N, C-alpha and C. Protein backbone atom coordinates (compact mmCIF):
# COMPACT_ATOMS: atom_id res chain seq x y z
N UNK A 1 -4.93 16.29 2.33
CA UNK A 1 -4.08 15.09 2.40
C UNK A 1 -2.68 15.13 2.58
N UNK A 2 -2.12 14.53 3.51
CA UNK A 2 -0.29 14.17 3.21
C UNK A 2 -0.10 13.53 1.93
N UNK A 3 1.25 13.83 1.74
CA UNK A 3 1.93 12.96 0.52
C UNK A 3 2.05 11.75 1.05
N UNK A 4 2.55 11.24 2.10
CA UNK A 4 2.61 10.05 2.47
C UNK A 4 1.34 9.03 2.53
N UNK A 5 -0.13 10.15 2.02
CA UNK A 5 -1.34 9.19 2.04
C UNK A 5 -1.29 8.47 0.78
N UNK A 6 -0.28 9.27 -0.35
CA UNK A 6 -0.06 8.95 -1.77
C UNK A 6 0.86 7.86 -1.92
N UNK A 7 1.96 8.14 -1.11
CA UNK A 7 3.38 7.50 -1.30
C UNK A 7 3.74 6.55 0.06
N UNK A 8 3.43 5.24 0.22
CA UNK A 8 3.27 4.68 1.48
C UNK A 8 3.83 3.17 1.29
N UNK A 9 5.09 2.95 0.65
CA UNK A 9 5.84 1.89 0.50
C UNK A 9 5.65 0.80 1.34
N UNK A 10 5.40 1.15 2.70
CA UNK A 10 5.45 0.31 3.78
C UNK A 10 3.96 -0.37 3.90
N UNK A 11 2.66 0.58 3.16
CA UNK A 11 1.51 -0.48 3.25
C UNK A 11 1.49 -0.82 2.04
N UNK A 12 2.16 -0.43 0.71
CA UNK A 12 2.26 -1.42 -0.38
C UNK A 12 2.67 -2.78 0.14
N UNK A 13 3.65 -2.70 0.60
CA UNK A 13 4.55 -4.33 0.91
C UNK A 13 3.68 -5.05 2.17
N UNK A 14 3.04 -4.42 3.19
CA UNK A 14 2.01 -5.12 3.97
C UNK A 14 0.88 -5.55 2.89
N UNK A 15 0.37 -4.87 2.11
CA UNK A 15 -0.70 -5.38 1.41
C UNK A 15 0.07 -6.67 0.41
N UNK A 16 0.99 -6.32 -0.19
CA UNK A 16 1.48 -7.69 -1.10
C UNK A 16 1.70 -8.93 -0.34
N UNK A 17 2.31 -8.51 1.11
CA UNK A 17 2.68 -9.59 1.73
C UNK A 17 1.39 -10.41 2.13
N UNK A 18 0.36 -9.57 2.34
CA UNK A 18 -0.90 -9.87 2.97
C UNK A 18 -1.60 -11.20 1.60
N UNK A 19 -1.27 -10.79 0.44
CA UNK A 19 -1.62 -11.53 -0.67
C UNK A 19 -1.60 -12.95 -0.79
N UNK A 20 -0.32 -13.41 0.29
CA UNK A 20 0.46 -14.67 0.50
C UNK A 20 0.33 -15.15 1.47
N UNK A 21 -0.82 -14.47 2.62
CA UNK A 21 -0.48 -14.91 3.77
C UNK A 21 -1.40 -16.38 4.09
N UNK A 22 -1.30 -17.30 4.90
CA UNK A 22 -1.78 -18.86 4.77
C UNK A 22 -0.96 -19.38 3.67
N UNK A 23 -0.50 -19.03 2.84
CA UNK A 23 0.73 -19.79 1.86
C UNK A 23 1.39 -20.84 2.67
N UNK A 24 1.66 -21.98 2.16
CA UNK A 24 2.64 -23.09 2.83
C UNK A 24 3.71 -23.16 1.91
N UNK A 25 5.21 -23.08 2.92
CA UNK A 25 6.22 -23.21 2.04
C UNK A 25 6.99 -24.52 2.50
N UNK A 26 7.19 -25.38 1.50
CA UNK A 26 7.48 -26.94 1.89
C UNK A 26 8.97 -27.02 1.11
N UNK A 27 10.02 -27.23 2.00
CA UNK A 27 11.21 -27.54 1.40
C UNK A 27 11.83 -29.00 1.81
N UNK A 28 12.13 -29.46 0.41
CA UNK A 28 13.06 -30.64 0.78
C UNK A 28 14.05 -30.81 0.54
N UNK A 29 15.00 -31.19 1.56
CA UNK A 29 16.52 -31.23 1.36
C UNK A 29 16.97 -32.53 0.73
N UNK A 30 18.27 -32.38 0.29
CA UNK A 30 19.21 -33.71 -0.11
C UNK A 30 19.09 -34.78 0.39
N UNK A 31 18.75 -34.86 2.04
CA UNK A 31 18.90 -35.93 2.68
C UNK A 31 17.69 -36.35 3.13
N UNK A 32 16.58 -35.73 2.33
CA UNK A 32 15.04 -36.00 2.30
C UNK A 32 14.45 -35.75 3.49
N UNK A 33 15.16 -34.79 4.59
CA UNK A 33 14.38 -34.17 5.61
C UNK A 33 13.65 -33.10 4.68
N UNK A 34 12.44 -32.73 5.39
CA UNK A 34 11.45 -31.71 5.04
C UNK A 34 11.34 -30.90 6.05
N UNK A 35 11.07 -29.68 5.71
CA UNK A 35 10.41 -28.60 6.92
C UNK A 35 9.30 -27.78 5.78
N UNK A 36 8.39 -27.21 6.65
CA UNK A 36 7.46 -26.46 5.94
C UNK A 36 6.80 -25.42 6.90
N UNK A 37 6.15 -24.66 6.81
CA UNK A 37 5.44 -23.86 7.42
C UNK A 37 4.75 -22.82 6.79
N UNK A 38 4.04 -21.96 7.53
CA UNK A 38 2.55 -21.36 6.84
C UNK A 38 2.81 -19.60 7.12
N UNK A 39 2.79 -18.89 6.02
CA UNK A 39 3.06 -17.60 6.26
C UNK A 39 2.25 -16.89 6.65
N UNK A 40 2.24 -16.16 8.06
CA UNK A 40 1.09 -15.69 9.00
C UNK A 40 1.26 -14.15 8.80
N UNK A 41 0.34 -13.50 8.81
CA UNK A 41 0.07 -11.93 8.77
C UNK A 41 0.89 -11.50 10.07
N UNK A 42 1.20 -11.87 11.00
CA UNK A 42 1.85 -11.49 12.53
C UNK A 42 3.10 -11.50 12.28
N UNK A 43 3.60 -12.41 11.30
CA UNK A 43 5.13 -12.44 10.89
C UNK A 43 5.77 -11.23 10.38
N UNK A 44 4.74 -10.21 9.90
CA UNK A 44 5.16 -9.22 8.72
C UNK A 44 6.12 -8.32 9.31
N UNK A 45 5.80 -7.72 10.66
CA UNK A 45 6.70 -6.76 11.10
C UNK A 45 8.05 -7.14 11.61
N UNK A 46 8.46 -8.46 11.88
CA UNK A 46 9.58 -9.05 12.07
C UNK A 46 9.99 -9.33 10.54
N UNK A 47 9.63 -9.53 9.74
CA UNK A 47 10.18 -10.28 8.65
C UNK A 47 10.62 -8.91 7.83
N UNK A 48 10.18 -7.79 8.26
CA UNK A 48 10.57 -6.41 7.72
C UNK A 48 11.28 -6.00 8.38
N UNK A 49 11.96 -6.17 9.70
CA UNK A 49 12.84 -5.60 10.41
C UNK A 49 12.46 -4.51 11.37
N UNK A 50 10.90 -4.26 11.28
CA UNK A 50 10.35 -3.06 11.82
C UNK A 50 10.54 -2.77 13.67
N UNK A 51 11.02 -4.10 14.17
CA UNK A 51 11.65 -4.08 15.76
C UNK A 51 12.82 -3.66 16.12
N UNK A 52 13.51 -2.92 15.10
CA UNK A 52 14.98 -2.47 15.12
C UNK A 52 14.83 -1.13 15.06
N UNK A 53 13.64 -0.45 14.79
CA UNK A 53 13.46 0.58 14.55
C UNK A 53 12.98 1.53 16.09
N UNK A 54 14.14 1.17 16.85
CA UNK A 54 13.49 1.28 18.66
C UNK A 54 13.46 2.85 18.97
N UNK A 55 13.92 3.83 18.07
CA UNK A 55 13.59 5.39 18.51
C UNK A 55 11.85 5.84 18.26
N UNK A 56 11.41 4.64 17.37
CA UNK A 56 9.79 5.07 17.38
C UNK A 56 8.80 4.42 18.18
N UNK A 57 8.23 5.30 19.15
CA UNK A 57 7.76 4.84 20.29
C UNK A 57 6.95 3.58 20.28
N UNK A 58 5.74 3.52 19.37
CA UNK A 58 4.87 2.44 18.94
C UNK A 58 6.14 1.15 18.95
N UNK A 59 7.09 1.09 18.19
CA UNK A 59 8.04 0.09 18.23
C UNK A 59 8.57 -0.27 19.63
N UNK A 60 8.94 0.80 20.22
CA UNK A 60 9.42 0.32 21.47
C UNK A 60 8.45 -0.47 22.46
N UNK A 61 7.27 -0.09 22.64
CA UNK A 61 6.20 -0.78 22.91
C UNK A 61 6.14 -2.03 22.62
N UNK A 62 6.10 -2.32 21.40
CA UNK A 62 6.09 -3.62 20.65
C UNK A 62 6.85 -4.39 20.74
N UNK A 63 8.28 -3.88 21.33
CA UNK A 63 9.16 -4.71 21.62
C UNK A 63 9.49 -5.28 23.12
N UNK A 64 8.28 -4.68 23.87
CA UNK A 64 8.23 -4.79 25.35
C UNK A 64 7.78 -6.05 25.66
N UNK A 65 8.41 -6.84 26.01
CA UNK A 65 7.63 -8.34 26.03
C UNK A 65 6.54 -7.90 27.49
N UNK A 66 6.62 -7.20 27.99
CA UNK A 66 5.48 -7.19 28.91
C UNK A 66 4.27 -6.33 28.79
N UNK A 67 4.16 -5.72 27.58
CA UNK A 67 3.25 -5.14 26.84
C UNK A 67 2.39 -5.90 26.17
N UNK A 68 1.24 -6.30 26.66
CA UNK A 68 0.57 -7.34 26.10
C UNK A 68 -0.77 -6.99 24.94
N UNK A 69 -0.45 -5.31 24.83
CA UNK A 69 -1.53 -4.67 23.80
C UNK A 69 -0.80 -4.34 22.58
N UNK A 70 0.31 -4.06 22.58
CA UNK A 70 1.03 -3.57 21.25
C UNK A 70 1.63 -4.73 20.61
N UNK A 71 0.94 -5.77 20.21
CA UNK A 71 1.73 -6.93 19.45
C UNK A 71 1.49 -6.80 17.82
N UNK A 72 1.89 -7.82 17.00
CA UNK A 72 2.19 -7.76 15.69
C UNK A 72 0.53 -7.33 14.96
N UNK A 73 -0.43 -7.95 15.67
CA UNK A 73 -1.91 -7.47 15.09
C UNK A 73 -1.89 -6.15 15.23
N UNK A 74 -1.49 -5.50 16.02
CA UNK A 74 -1.87 -3.92 16.51
C UNK A 74 -0.92 -3.30 15.66
N UNK A 75 0.53 -3.74 15.80
CA UNK A 75 1.23 -2.60 14.75
C UNK A 75 0.89 -2.86 13.38
N UNK A 76 0.06 -4.41 12.75
CA UNK A 76 -0.32 -4.46 11.48
C UNK A 76 -1.57 -3.51 11.07
N UNK A 77 -2.49 -3.11 12.43
CA UNK A 77 -3.70 -2.13 12.08
C UNK A 77 -3.35 -0.88 12.21
N UNK A 78 -1.94 -0.52 12.45
CA UNK A 78 -1.57 0.97 12.45
C UNK A 78 -0.79 1.05 10.91
N UNK A 79 -0.41 -0.02 10.43
CA UNK A 79 0.14 0.19 9.15
C UNK A 79 -0.81 0.16 8.18
N UNK A 80 -1.91 -0.73 8.38
CA UNK A 80 -2.98 -0.55 7.43
C UNK A 80 -3.81 0.69 7.56
N UNK A 81 -3.94 1.21 8.58
CA UNK A 81 -4.76 2.70 8.72
C UNK A 81 -3.70 3.98 8.63
N UNK A 82 -2.66 3.45 8.37
CA UNK A 82 -1.78 4.58 8.02
C UNK A 82 -1.41 5.58 9.25
N UNK A 83 -1.52 5.15 10.57
CA UNK A 83 -1.42 5.42 11.67
C UNK A 83 -0.25 5.21 12.45
N UNK A 84 0.59 6.13 12.98
CA UNK A 84 2.15 6.26 14.02
C UNK A 84 2.75 5.26 12.75
N UNK A 85 2.74 4.42 12.00
CA UNK A 85 3.60 3.52 10.97
C UNK A 85 3.12 4.16 9.78
N UNK A 86 4.36 4.95 8.98
CA UNK A 86 4.04 5.06 7.10
C UNK A 86 5.61 5.16 6.84
N UNK A 87 5.55 4.90 5.70
CA UNK A 87 7.01 4.88 5.29
C UNK A 87 7.59 6.34 5.65
N UNK A 88 7.16 7.31 5.59
CA UNK A 88 7.68 8.64 5.86
C UNK A 88 8.28 8.49 7.10
N UNK A 89 7.51 7.91 8.34
CA UNK A 89 8.08 7.73 9.56
C UNK A 89 9.01 6.98 10.14
N UNK A 90 8.81 5.63 9.09
CA UNK A 90 9.93 4.61 9.25
C UNK A 90 11.36 4.94 8.93
N UNK A 91 11.40 5.85 7.94
CA UNK A 91 12.45 6.35 6.91
C UNK A 91 13.15 7.41 7.95
N UNK A 92 12.34 8.21 8.74
CA UNK A 92 12.80 9.06 9.66
C UNK A 92 13.80 8.27 10.66
N UNK A 93 13.62 7.48 11.44
CA UNK A 93 14.15 7.01 12.27
C UNK A 93 15.69 6.66 12.08
N UNK A 94 16.48 7.23 12.88
CA UNK A 94 18.10 7.25 12.60
C UNK A 94 18.75 5.38 12.61
N UNK A 95 17.76 4.65 12.89
CA UNK A 95 17.99 3.38 12.62
C UNK A 95 17.73 2.60 11.37
N UNK A 96 16.75 3.28 10.52
CA UNK A 96 16.42 3.00 9.01
C UNK A 96 17.31 2.26 8.31
N UNK A 97 18.69 3.04 8.41
CA UNK A 97 19.70 2.47 7.30
C UNK A 97 20.20 1.01 7.66
N UNK A 98 19.71 0.61 8.90
CA UNK A 98 20.02 -0.83 9.40
C UNK A 98 18.90 -1.62 8.63
N UNK A 99 17.84 -1.40 8.27
CA UNK A 99 16.80 -2.40 7.50
C UNK A 99 16.68 -1.80 6.16
N UNK A 100 17.42 -0.77 5.86
CA UNK A 100 16.85 0.07 4.26
C UNK A 100 17.37 -1.20 3.46
N UNK A 101 18.06 -2.23 3.14
CA UNK A 101 18.30 -2.99 2.30
C UNK A 101 17.45 -4.03 2.18
N UNK A 102 17.01 -4.73 3.43
CA UNK A 102 15.88 -5.68 3.52
C UNK A 102 14.43 -4.99 3.40
N UNK A 103 14.03 -3.71 3.61
CA UNK A 103 13.05 -2.85 3.30
C UNK A 103 12.89 -2.90 1.72
N UNK A 104 13.68 -2.22 1.01
CA UNK A 104 13.60 -2.15 -0.47
C UNK A 104 13.65 -3.88 -1.41
N UNK A 105 14.39 -5.01 -0.62
CA UNK A 105 14.22 -5.96 -1.27
C UNK A 105 13.02 -6.97 -0.94
N UNK A 106 12.33 -6.27 0.09
CA UNK A 106 11.00 -6.88 0.57
C UNK A 106 9.91 -7.00 -0.17
N UNK A 107 9.45 -8.48 -1.13
CA UNK A 107 8.55 -8.46 -1.81
C UNK A 107 7.91 -9.90 -2.15
N UNK A 108 6.84 -10.10 -2.38
CA UNK A 108 6.24 -11.36 -2.38
C UNK A 108 7.16 -12.23 -3.34
N UNK A 109 7.71 -11.76 -4.54
CA UNK A 109 8.50 -12.23 -5.16
C UNK A 109 9.69 -13.18 -4.47
N UNK A 110 10.43 -12.15 -3.82
CA UNK A 110 11.61 -12.44 -2.79
C UNK A 110 11.20 -13.64 -1.93
N UNK A 111 9.95 -13.60 -1.22
CA UNK A 111 9.49 -14.24 -0.15
C UNK A 111 9.16 -15.80 -0.71
N UNK A 112 8.64 -15.65 -2.12
CA UNK A 112 8.42 -16.89 -2.83
C UNK A 112 9.39 -17.54 -3.62
N UNK A 113 10.65 -16.84 -3.60
CA UNK A 113 11.18 -17.05 -4.54
C UNK A 113 11.87 -19.04 -4.90
N UNK A 114 11.96 -19.37 -5.71
CA UNK A 114 12.19 -21.03 -6.20
C UNK A 114 13.33 -21.12 -6.35
N UNK A 115 14.38 -20.02 -5.92
CA UNK A 115 15.85 -20.30 -5.90
C UNK A 115 16.67 -20.29 -4.85
N UNK A 116 15.90 -20.59 -3.85
CA UNK A 116 16.76 -20.88 -2.76
C UNK A 116 17.46 -22.32 -2.72
N UNK A 117 18.92 -22.33 -2.97
CA UNK A 117 19.51 -23.76 -3.44
C UNK A 117 19.85 -24.10 -2.19
N UNK A 118 20.34 -23.70 -1.01
CA UNK A 118 20.97 -24.05 0.04
C UNK A 118 20.18 -24.07 1.35
N UNK A 119 20.85 -24.60 2.31
CA UNK A 119 20.00 -24.56 3.47
C UNK A 119 20.94 -24.52 4.69
N UNK A 120 21.27 -23.55 5.96
CA UNK A 120 21.68 -23.79 6.88
C UNK A 120 21.11 -24.37 7.88
N UNK A 121 21.11 -25.69 8.23
CA UNK A 121 20.67 -26.56 9.22
C UNK A 121 21.30 -26.43 10.78
N UNK A 122 20.56 -26.52 11.65
CA UNK A 122 20.77 -25.86 13.08
C UNK A 122 21.74 -24.99 13.03
N UNK A 123 21.22 -23.56 12.62
CA UNK A 123 22.16 -22.16 12.87
C UNK A 123 22.36 -22.10 14.10
N UNK A 124 23.86 -21.74 14.25
CA UNK A 124 24.42 -21.55 15.30
C UNK A 124 24.57 -19.64 15.55
N UNK A 125 23.65 -19.34 15.95
CA UNK A 125 23.57 -17.87 16.09
C UNK A 125 24.87 -17.31 17.02
N UNK A 126 25.42 -18.02 17.98
CA UNK A 126 26.38 -17.71 18.82
C UNK A 126 27.85 -17.53 18.16
N UNK A 127 27.93 -17.92 16.96
CA UNK A 127 29.02 -17.77 16.20
C UNK A 127 29.60 -16.64 15.57
N UNK A 128 28.38 -15.55 15.75
CA UNK A 128 28.11 -14.14 14.99
C UNK A 128 27.60 -13.13 16.08
N UNK A 129 27.38 -13.62 17.04
CA UNK A 129 26.75 -12.91 18.07
C UNK A 129 25.52 -12.37 17.77
N UNK A 130 24.64 -13.12 16.73
CA UNK A 130 23.32 -12.92 16.68
C UNK A 130 22.00 -13.14 17.50
N UNK A 131 21.09 -12.54 17.31
CA UNK A 131 19.75 -12.61 18.12
C UNK A 131 19.01 -13.65 17.64
N UNK A 132 19.22 -13.86 16.31
CA UNK A 132 18.22 -14.80 15.59
C UNK A 132 17.84 -15.81 16.37
N UNK A 133 16.69 -16.47 16.12
CA UNK A 133 16.35 -17.82 16.78
C UNK A 133 16.19 -19.00 15.80
N UNK A 134 16.41 -18.59 14.60
CA UNK A 134 16.35 -19.47 13.48
C UNK A 134 17.21 -20.91 13.71
N UNK A 135 16.33 -22.03 13.25
CA UNK A 135 16.96 -23.17 13.55
C UNK A 135 17.50 -23.65 12.03
N UNK A 136 16.92 -22.89 10.95
CA UNK A 136 17.02 -23.05 9.22
C UNK A 136 17.06 -21.44 8.75
N UNK A 137 18.11 -21.53 8.05
CA UNK A 137 18.30 -20.38 6.99
C UNK A 137 18.42 -20.84 5.68
N UNK A 138 17.36 -20.40 4.61
CA UNK A 138 17.30 -20.83 3.60
C UNK A 138 18.16 -19.44 2.85
N UNK A 139 19.10 -19.73 1.55
CA UNK A 139 19.82 -18.81 1.04
C UNK A 139 19.68 -18.88 0.02
N UNK A 140 20.07 -17.76 -1.06
CA UNK A 140 20.50 -17.78 -2.28
C UNK A 140 21.50 -16.58 -2.41
N UNK A 141 22.37 -16.95 -3.33
CA UNK A 141 23.58 -15.86 -3.97
C UNK A 141 22.74 -14.82 -4.77
N UNK A 142 23.07 -13.64 -4.64
CA UNK A 142 22.81 -12.53 -5.52
C UNK A 142 23.78 -11.98 -6.21
N UNK A 143 23.95 -11.17 -6.69
CA UNK A 143 24.84 -10.70 -7.54
C UNK A 143 25.86 -9.62 -6.49
N UNK A 144 25.31 -9.28 -5.53
CA UNK A 144 25.99 -8.85 -4.42
C UNK A 144 25.34 -9.20 -3.05
N UNK A 145 25.91 -10.38 -2.76
CA UNK A 145 25.54 -11.00 -1.64
C UNK A 145 24.52 -12.10 -1.42
N UNK A 146 23.84 -12.26 -0.35
CA UNK A 146 22.70 -13.19 -0.37
C UNK A 146 21.73 -12.65 0.46
N UNK A 147 20.49 -13.32 -0.41
CA UNK A 147 19.27 -13.33 0.45
C UNK A 147 18.71 -14.24 1.36
N UNK A 148 18.58 -14.18 2.44
CA UNK A 148 18.32 -15.05 3.55
C UNK A 148 16.97 -15.14 3.96
N UNK A 149 16.21 -16.17 3.96
CA UNK A 149 14.88 -16.30 4.75
C UNK A 149 15.40 -17.65 6.06
N UNK A 150 14.93 -16.92 7.19
CA UNK A 150 14.75 -17.36 8.54
C UNK A 150 14.07 -18.29 8.96
N UNK A 151 14.10 -19.80 9.42
CA UNK A 151 12.90 -20.31 9.97
C UNK A 151 12.95 -20.94 11.03
N UNK A 152 12.22 -20.18 12.39
CA UNK A 152 12.35 -20.59 13.38
C UNK A 152 11.28 -21.86 13.94
N UNK A 153 11.59 -22.47 15.36
CA UNK A 153 10.62 -23.28 15.63
C UNK A 153 9.90 -22.39 16.87
N UNK A 154 8.44 -22.44 17.34
CA UNK A 154 8.11 -21.91 18.75
C UNK A 154 7.84 -23.08 19.67
N UNK A 155 7.65 -22.91 20.79
CA UNK A 155 7.53 -23.85 21.93
C UNK A 155 6.81 -25.18 21.43
N UNK A 156 6.31 -25.21 20.59
CA UNK A 156 5.38 -26.52 20.32
C UNK A 156 5.80 -27.16 19.20
N UNK A 157 7.40 -26.44 18.66
CA UNK A 157 7.98 -27.15 17.61
C UNK A 157 7.39 -26.68 16.27
N UNK A 158 6.40 -25.82 15.85
CA UNK A 158 5.69 -25.33 14.89
C UNK A 158 6.97 -24.40 14.19
N UNK A 159 7.09 -24.47 12.90
CA UNK A 159 7.87 -23.50 12.23
C UNK A 159 7.12 -22.56 11.95
N UNK A 160 8.06 -21.23 11.70
CA UNK A 160 7.42 -20.01 11.27
C UNK A 160 8.58 -18.90 10.65
N UNK A 161 8.15 -18.20 9.94
CA UNK A 161 9.38 -17.29 9.18
C UNK A 161 9.72 -16.45 10.23
N UNK A 162 11.05 -16.24 10.72
CA UNK A 162 11.28 -15.47 11.47
C UNK A 162 11.84 -14.21 10.96
N UNK A 163 12.30 -14.40 9.69
CA UNK A 163 13.24 -12.84 9.32
C UNK A 163 13.38 -13.03 7.85
N UNK A 164 13.48 -12.05 7.11
CA UNK A 164 13.81 -12.14 5.75
C UNK A 164 14.80 -10.98 5.85
N UNK A 165 16.05 -11.11 5.01
CA UNK A 165 16.92 -10.07 4.61
C UNK A 165 17.97 -10.19 4.06
N UNK A 166 18.84 -9.22 3.47
CA UNK A 166 19.88 -9.44 2.41
C UNK A 166 20.92 -8.95 3.15
N UNK A 167 22.15 -10.07 2.95
CA UNK A 167 23.32 -9.04 3.39
C UNK A 167 24.37 -9.16 2.20
N UNK A 168 25.27 -8.25 2.27
CA UNK A 168 25.80 -8.22 1.03
C UNK A 168 27.35 -9.16 1.33
N UNK A 169 27.49 -9.81 2.69
CA UNK A 169 28.43 -10.40 2.74
C UNK A 169 28.27 -12.10 3.27
N UNK A 170 28.86 -12.99 3.06
CA UNK A 170 28.54 -14.32 3.45
C UNK A 170 28.62 -14.61 5.22
N UNK A 171 28.50 -13.51 6.00
CA UNK A 171 28.52 -13.61 7.21
C UNK A 171 28.08 -14.77 8.13
N UNK A 172 26.36 -14.70 7.44
CA UNK A 172 25.84 -15.61 8.29
C UNK A 172 25.96 -17.48 7.66
N UNK A 173 26.59 -17.17 6.87
CA UNK A 173 27.05 -18.57 6.19
C UNK A 173 28.24 -19.55 6.86
N UNK A 174 28.88 -18.47 7.54
CA UNK A 174 30.54 -19.13 7.57
C UNK A 174 30.44 -19.95 8.76
N UNK A 175 31.07 -21.23 8.56
CA UNK A 175 31.40 -22.22 9.56
C UNK A 175 30.02 -22.78 9.88
N UNK A 176 29.08 -22.85 9.31
CA UNK A 176 27.67 -22.84 9.59
C UNK A 176 27.26 -24.57 8.60
N UNK A 177 26.74 -25.51 9.21
CA UNK A 177 26.55 -26.70 8.37
C UNK A 177 25.41 -26.35 7.10
N UNK A 178 25.74 -26.69 5.90
CA UNK A 178 24.65 -26.45 4.99
C UNK A 178 24.51 -27.84 4.29
N UNK A 179 23.44 -27.86 3.58
CA UNK A 179 23.13 -28.99 2.58
C UNK A 179 22.21 -28.39 1.38
N UNK A 180 22.06 -28.87 0.52
CA UNK A 180 21.32 -28.32 -0.74
C UNK A 180 19.77 -28.71 -0.48
N UNK A 181 18.89 -27.96 -1.26
CA UNK A 181 17.69 -27.98 -1.28
C UNK A 181 17.16 -28.41 -2.53
N UNK A 182 16.45 -29.89 -2.55
CA UNK A 182 16.34 -30.79 -3.58
C UNK A 182 14.96 -30.40 -4.19
N UNK A 183 14.14 -29.92 -3.50
CA UNK A 183 12.55 -29.66 -4.00
C UNK A 183 11.90 -28.35 -3.34
N UNK A 184 11.19 -27.48 -4.11
CA UNK A 184 10.73 -26.35 -3.25
C UNK A 184 9.31 -26.65 -3.96
N UNK A 185 8.25 -26.92 -2.77
CA UNK A 185 6.69 -26.72 -3.36
C UNK A 185 6.07 -25.58 -2.47
N UNK A 186 5.12 -24.70 -3.29
CA UNK A 186 4.18 -23.50 -2.35
C UNK A 186 2.92 -23.93 -2.31
N UNK A 187 2.53 -23.99 -1.53
CA UNK A 187 0.93 -24.40 -1.67
C UNK A 187 0.01 -22.93 -1.40
N UNK A 188 -1.11 -22.65 -2.08
CA UNK A 188 -2.00 -21.54 -1.53
C UNK A 188 -2.83 -21.54 -0.17
N UNK A 189 -3.47 -20.52 -0.02
CA UNK A 189 -4.07 -20.58 1.26
C UNK A 189 -5.46 -21.71 1.05
N UNK A 190 -5.52 -22.15 -0.29
CA UNK A 190 -6.62 -23.37 -0.24
C UNK A 190 -5.92 -24.51 -0.44
N UNK A 191 -5.06 -24.75 -0.23
CA UNK A 191 -4.08 -26.13 0.22
C UNK A 191 -3.60 -26.48 -1.13
N UNK A 192 -3.70 -25.99 -2.57
CA UNK A 192 -3.73 -26.16 -3.95
C UNK A 192 -2.10 -25.81 -4.47
N UNK A 193 -1.56 -26.49 -4.87
CA UNK A 193 -0.05 -26.39 -5.49
C UNK A 193 0.26 -25.11 -6.26
N UNK A 194 0.65 -24.13 -5.62
CA UNK A 194 1.15 -22.83 -6.27
C UNK A 194 2.16 -22.88 -7.39
N UNK A 195 3.34 -23.61 -6.87
CA UNK A 195 4.46 -23.60 -7.45
C UNK A 195 5.59 -24.60 -7.07
N UNK A 196 5.89 -25.15 -7.76
CA UNK A 196 7.01 -26.35 -7.74
C UNK A 196 8.06 -25.86 -8.58
N UNK A 197 9.52 -26.30 -7.70
CA UNK A 197 10.83 -26.56 -8.33
C UNK A 197 11.50 -27.70 -8.07
N UNK A 198 12.09 -28.26 -8.95
CA UNK A 198 12.86 -29.62 -8.73
C UNK A 198 14.54 -28.84 -9.05
N UNK A 199 15.28 -28.87 -7.88
CA UNK A 199 16.40 -28.35 -7.77
C UNK A 199 17.59 -29.44 -8.00
N UNK A 200 17.32 -30.61 -7.57
CA UNK A 200 18.36 -31.76 -7.56
C UNK A 200 17.89 -32.84 -8.35
């Protein structure tokens, strides 16, 4: 057996995320508007930033909009079976440093954090030349920089978690419209209240 069969943080992070799949996140803002979305298993590759590792053949196929076979489910199956995508493989990518902080800070606790105190509403990606589709970015100040949870809308207006990352600067917050988060509720996959925090 290869060492990567024993040490595979990529698989560990996938399994940890899988434990909160179908949890519903609900955020009430200070203006009483509400957003809610479910954590989907197929969100995992993008949340972790794997799409940025374009020197890995399977990721190039995943990024190809014309490829109808290599989607998020396929990527997740390769992670699960430790085929073509393992911690060792992604860390050998020359682009891994671009997602290293995101990879290291990705955890169930950071996704479910009850300390997102503020939210960017109607995020304007063009201000920083970003490709994010997010309409909302929930953020929290850390000792060095910010954690960001990006929420986008699909063509039917359904919200989904687009990206999670840490940035050591306030780049994504500058000149954006922000409001306070008043209340956070997390419901488990049975619809029962799992966590609640009143911030205001």
